[in-house]
Amino acid sequence: MGPCGPDESQKTMSDTPPDRLSVNPDSPHYDADLLERGIGIRFKGVEKTNVEEYCISERWVRVAAGKTLDRKGNAMTIKLQGDVEAYFRDTAEG
């Protein structure tokens, strides 16, 4: 296989999105570097672009509930249960 084998396996490990991630900077699960890289979410096999937070192991996503805001000015969210798949957009395209 040559010298590329170990490098590819290391790349695969670093290309695994975290189990849980949030777009809210106040959340302990927020990571600006990962969000800047671009995370894609498939929920129940359908591509979602309005996900505010996800957890793969607990099988849920939080999606924005329209343009409704809470009293602190944050988007209101709805928690949906189901199969969640996260991936990095840059590796899926290339």
C-alpha atoms as a PDB file:
ATOM      1  CA  MET A   1       0.000   0.000   0.000  1.00  0.00           C
ATOM      2  CA  GLY A   2       2.976   2.325   0.435  1.00  0.00           C
ATOM      3  CA  PRO A   3       3.587   5.297   2.690  1.00  0.00           C
ATOM      4  CA  CYS A   4       0.187   6.852   1.927  1.00  0.00           C
ATOM      5  CA  GLY A   5      -1.699   4.234   4.002  1.00  0.00           C
ATOM      6  CA  PRO A   6      -1.097   5.642   7.521  1.00  0.00           C
ATOM      7  CA  ASP A   7      -1.625   9.229   6.365  1.00  0.00           C
ATOM      8  CA  GLU A   8      -5.014   8.332   4.905  1.00  0.00           C
ATOM      9  CA  SER A   9      -6.149   6.657   8.126  1.00  0.00           C
ATOM     10  CA  GLN A  10      -5.063   9.691  10.160  1.00  0.00           C
ATOM     11  CA  LYS A  11      -6.962  11.944   7.743  1.00  0.00           C
ATOM     12  CA  THR A  12     -10.082   9.791   8.146  1.00  0.00           C
ATOM     13  CA  MET A  13      -9.918  10.121  11.926  1.00  0.00           C
ATOM     14  CA  SER A  14      -9.474  13.912  11.759  1.00  0.00           C
ATOM     15  CA  ASP A  15     -12.306  14.133   9.214  1.00  0.00           C
ATOM     16  CA  THR A  16     -14.879  12.783  11.661  1.00  0.00           C
ATOM     17  CA  PRO A  17     -17.238  15.509  12.923  1.00  0.00           C
ATOM     18  CA  PRO A  18     -17.827  15.706  16.684  1.00  0.00           C
ATOM     19  CA  ASP A  19     -20.685  13.813  18.330  1.00  0.00           C
ATOM     20  CA  ARG A  20     -22.338  17.095  19.325  1.00  0.00           C
ATOM     21  CA  LEU A  21     -22.030  20.613  17.916  1.00  0.00           C
ATOM     22  CA  SER A  22     -23.920  23.887  18.281  1.00  0.00           C
ATOM     23  CA  VAL A  23     -23.930  27.126  16.268  1.00  0.00           C
ATOM     24  CA  ASN A  24     -24.679  29.196  19.407  1.00  0.00           C
ATOM     25  CA  PRO A  25     -21.460  30.844  20.738  1.00  0.00           C
ATOM     26  CA  ASP A  26     -22.844  30.658  24.302  1.00  0.00           C
ATOM     27  CA  SER A  27     -23.080  26.849  24.146  1.00  0.00           C
ATOM     28  CA  PRO A  28     -20.311  24.634  25.569  1.00  0.00           C
ATOM     29  CA  HIS A  29     -20.625  22.595  22.336  1.00  0.00           C
ATOM     30  CA  TYR A  30     -19.727  25.551  20.083  1.00  0.00           C
ATOM     31  CA  ASP A  31     -16.556  25.283  17.947  1.00  0.00           C
ATOM     32  CA  ALA A  32     -15.916  28.169  15.534  1.00  0.00           C
ATOM     33  CA  ASP A  33     -13.117  26.358  13.655  1.00  0.00           C
ATOM     34  CA  LEU A  34     -15.317  23.360  12.846  1.00  0.00           C
ATOM     35  CA  LEU A  35     -18.243  25.555  11.828  1.00  0.00           C
ATOM     36  CA  GLU A  36     -16.003  27.623   9.563  1.00  0.00           C
ATOM     37  CA  ARG A  37     -14.850  24.422   7.874  1.00  0.00           C
ATOM     38  CA  GLY A  38     -18.467  23.549   7.102  1.00  0.00           C
ATOM     39  CA  ILE A  39     -20.554  20.757   8.599  1.00  0.00           C
ATOM     40  CA  GLY A  40     -23.351  19.074   6.679  1.00  0.00           C
ATOM     41  CA  ILE A  41     -26.226  17.311   8.438  1.00  0.00           C
ATOM     42  CA  ARG A  42     -28.485  14.552   7.142  1.00  0.00           C
ATOM     43  CA  PHE A  43     -31.496  13.961   9.377  1.00  0.00           C
ATOM     44  CA  LYS A  44     -33.511  10.819   8.585  1.00  0.00           C
ATOM     45  CA  GLY A  45     -31.697  10.709   5.235  1.00  0.00           C
ATOM     46  CA  VAL A  46     -32.657  14.282   4.245  1.00  0.00           C
ATOM     47  CA  GLU A  47     -30.158  17.148   3.957  1.00  0.00           C
ATOM     48  CA  LYS A  48     -30.933  19.881   6.526  1.00  0.00           C
ATOM     49  CA  THR A  49     -29.590  23.442   6.361  1.00  0.00           C
ATOM     50  CA  ASN A  50     -31.418  24.945   9.345  1.00  0.00           C
ATOM     51  CA  VAL A  51     -29.851  22.841  12.136  1.00  0.00           C
ATOM     52  CA  GLU A  52     -28.872  24.878  15.205  1.00  0.00           C
ATOM     53  CA  GLU A  53     -27.444  21.949  17.200  1.00  0.00           C
ATOM     54  CA  TYR A  54     -27.121  18.184  16.805  1.00  0.00           C
ATOM     55  CA  CYS A  55     -26.129  15.111  18.812  1.00  0.00           C
ATOM     56  CA  ILE A  56     -25.357  11.917  16.898  1.00  0.00           C
ATOM     57  CA  SER A  57     -25.231   9.528  19.891  1.00  0.00           C
ATOM     58  CA  GLU A  58     -28.546  10.752  21.345  1.00  0.00           C
ATOM     59  CA  ARG A  59     -30.129  10.874  17.836  1.00  0.00           C
ATOM     60  CA  TRP A  60     -31.552  14.418  17.794  1.00  0.00           C
ATOM     61  CA  VAL A  61     -31.261  17.782  16.071  1.00  0.00           C
ATOM     62  CA  ARG A  62     -32.507  21.232  17.025  1.00  0.00           C
ATOM     63  CA  VAL A  63     -33.879  23.233  14.115  1.00  0.00           C
ATOM     64  CA  ALA A  64     -35.005  26.849  13.974  1.00  0.00           C
ATOM     65  CA  ALA A  65     -38.753  27.334  14.413  1.00  0.00           C
ATOM     66  CA  GLY A  66     -39.300  29.910  11.689  1.00  0.00           C
ATOM     67  CA  LYS A  67     -38.202  33.433  12.571  1.00  0.00           C
ATOM     68  CA  THR A  68     -39.505  33.275  16.144  1.00  0.00           C
ATOM     69  CA  LEU A  69     -37.115  34.576  18.828  1.00  0.00           C
ATOM     70  CA  ASP A  70     -36.981  33.917  22.558  1.00  0.00           C
ATOM     71  CA  ARG A  71     -36.793  36.720  25.141  1.00  0.00           C
ATOM     72  CA  LYS A  72     -32.983  36.833  24.827  1.00  0.00           C
ATOM     73  CA  GLY A  73     -33.141  37.304  21.040  1.00  0.00           C
ATOM     74  CA  ASN A  74     -32.043  33.748  20.186  1.00  0.00           C
ATOM     75  CA  ALA A  75     -33.877  31.687  17.590  1.00  0.00           C
ATOM     76  CA  MET A  76     -36.557  29.408  19.009  1.00  0.00           C
ATOM     77  CA  THR A  77     -35.771  25.772  18.254  1.00  0.00           C
ATOM     78  CA  ILE A  78     -37.590  22.482  18.030  1.00  0.00           C
ATOM     79  CA  LYS A  79     -35.890  19.226  19.047  1.00  0.00           C
ATOM     80  CA  LEU A  80     -36.486  16.420  16.558  1.00  0.00           C
ATOM     81  CA  GLN A  81     -35.624  12.753  17.193  1.00  0.00           C
ATOM     82  CA  GLY A  82     -34.232  10.452  14.508  1.00  0.00           C
ATOM     83  CA  ASP A  83     -31.112   9.256  12.704  1.00  0.00           C
ATOM     84  CA  VAL A  84     -28.444  11.960  12.455  1.00  0.00           C
ATOM     85  CA  GLU A  85     -25.439  11.883  10.139  1.00  0.00           C
ATOM     86  CA  ALA A  86     -22.827  14.653  10.210  1.00  0.00           C
ATOM     87  CA  TYR A  87     -20.052  15.176   7.671  1.00  0.00           C
ATOM     88  CA  PHE A  88     -17.558  17.822   6.626  1.00  0.00           C
ATOM     89  CA  ARG A  89     -18.705  19.572   3.450  1.00  0.00           C
ATOM     90  CA  ASP A  90     -15.160  20.061   2.119  1.00  0.00           C
ATOM     91  CA  THR A  91     -14.463  16.287   2.107  1.00  0.00           C
ATOM     92  CA  ALA A  92     -17.853  15.405   0.616  1.00  0.00           C
ATOM     93  CA  GLU A  93     -17.348  17.739  -2.348  1.00  0.00           C
ATOM     94  CA  GLY A  94     -13.751  16.788  -3.130  1.00  0.00           C
END
